[in-house]
Amino acid sequence: MNSTTMVVLIVCVVSVVLYKMFNKHLEFKAKKIEHNNNADHKTDELIKEIQALSKRIQVLESIVTEEGYQVQKDINKL
């Protein structure tokens, strides 16, 4: 094998390796983007759930702090 053939062979091997590395990099970026999108969706769901629970807590607090509620508790104690 002469030196030109060896150089061409090395360049081909290096090119294939770099190509495969670049493809792996692109696959990783795609998975990362998909994961971020899923995380954003889950975050939105959790925010909605927290808002719903906050509203329920406000309703419960208003019921408990009403004077009629305390009177009803006193009546039930009798």
Protein backbone atom coordinates (compact mmCIF):
# COMPACT_ATOMS: atom_id res chain seq x y z
CA MET A 1 0.00 0.00 0.00
CA ASN A 2 1.35 3.35 -0.92
CA SER A 3 1.02 6.45 1.22
CA THR A 4 -1.77 8.00 -0.89
CA THR A 5 -3.99 4.96 -0.47
CA MET A 6 -3.30 4.95 3.24
CA VAL A 7 -4.23 8.63 3.56
CA VAL A 8 -7.45 8.10 1.59
CA LEU A 9 -8.34 5.13 3.76
CA ILE A 10 -7.69 7.07 6.96
CA VAL A 11 -9.74 10.03 5.71
CA CYS A 12 -12.61 7.68 4.86
CA VAL A 13 -12.54 6.02 8.27
CA VAL A 14 -12.35 9.35 10.09
CA SER A 15 -15.20 10.70 7.96
CA VAL A 16 -17.43 7.72 8.79
CA VAL A 17 -16.67 8.04 12.48
CA LEU A 18 -17.40 11.78 12.46
CA TYR A 19 -20.62 11.20 10.52
CA LYS A 20 -21.81 8.63 13.06
CA MET A 21 -20.88 10.91 15.95
CA PHE A 22 -22.80 13.78 14.38
CA ASN A 23 -25.88 11.55 13.89
CA LYS A 24 -25.72 10.48 17.55
CA HIS A 25 -25.50 14.13 18.51
CA LEU A 26 -28.60 14.95 16.46
CA GLU A 27 -30.50 12.01 18.00
CA PHE A 28 -29.55 13.21 21.46
CA LYS A 29 -30.75 16.73 20.69
CA ALA A 30 -34.06 15.38 19.37
CA LYS A 31 -34.58 13.31 22.53
CA LYS A 32 -33.71 16.31 24.67
CA ILE A 33 -36.27 18.48 22.87
CA GLU A 34 -38.93 15.77 23.21
CA HIS A 35 -38.16 15.40 26.91
CA ASN A 36 -38.42 19.17 27.42
CA ASN A 37 -41.76 19.25 25.63
CA ASN A 38 -43.08 16.42 27.81
CA ALA A 39 -41.81 18.21 30.92
CA ASP A 40 -43.54 21.42 29.81
CA HIS A 41 -46.79 19.52 29.32
CA LYS A 42 -46.50 17.93 32.77
CA THR A 43 -45.72 21.33 34.29
CA ASP A 44 -48.85 22.79 32.72
CA GLU A 45 -50.93 19.94 34.14
CA LEU A 46 -49.48 20.47 37.61
CA ILE A 47 -50.12 24.22 37.46
CA LYS A 48 -53.77 23.59 36.55
CA GLU A 49 -54.10 21.09 39.39
CA ILE A 50 -52.57 23.54 41.88
CA GLN A 51 -54.95 26.27 40.72
CA ALA A 52 -57.94 23.95 41.16
CA LEU A 53 -56.78 22.95 44.63
CA SER A 54 -56.23 26.59 45.58
CA LYS A 55 -59.80 27.41 44.60
CA ARG A 56 -61.08 24.48 46.67
CA ILE A 57 -59.06 25.67 49.67
CA GLN A 58 -60.49 29.18 49.31
CA VAL A 59 -64.02 27.76 49.30
CA LEU A 60 -63.30 25.63 52.37
CA GLU A 61 -61.75 28.58 54.19
CA SER A 62 -64.76 30.73 53.45
CA ILE A 63 -67.10 28.01 54.76
CA VAL A 64 -65.10 27.51 57.94
CA THR A 65 -64.77 31.22 58.69
CA GLU A 66 -68.49 31.93 58.26
CA GLU A 67 -70.34 32.65 61.48
CA GLY A 68 -73.10 30.23 60.51
CA TYR A 69 -70.60 27.39 60.43
CA GLN A 70 -69.55 28.07 64.01
CA VAL A 71 -73.19 28.27 65.10
CA GLN A 72 -73.87 24.93 63.38
CA LYS A 73 -70.91 23.38 65.22
CA ASP A 74 -72.24 24.68 68.52
CA ILE A 75 -75.70 23.29 67.76
CA ASN A 76 -74.21 19.91 66.88
CA LYS A 77 -72.33 19.86 70.19
CA LEU A 78 -75.61 20.15 72.07
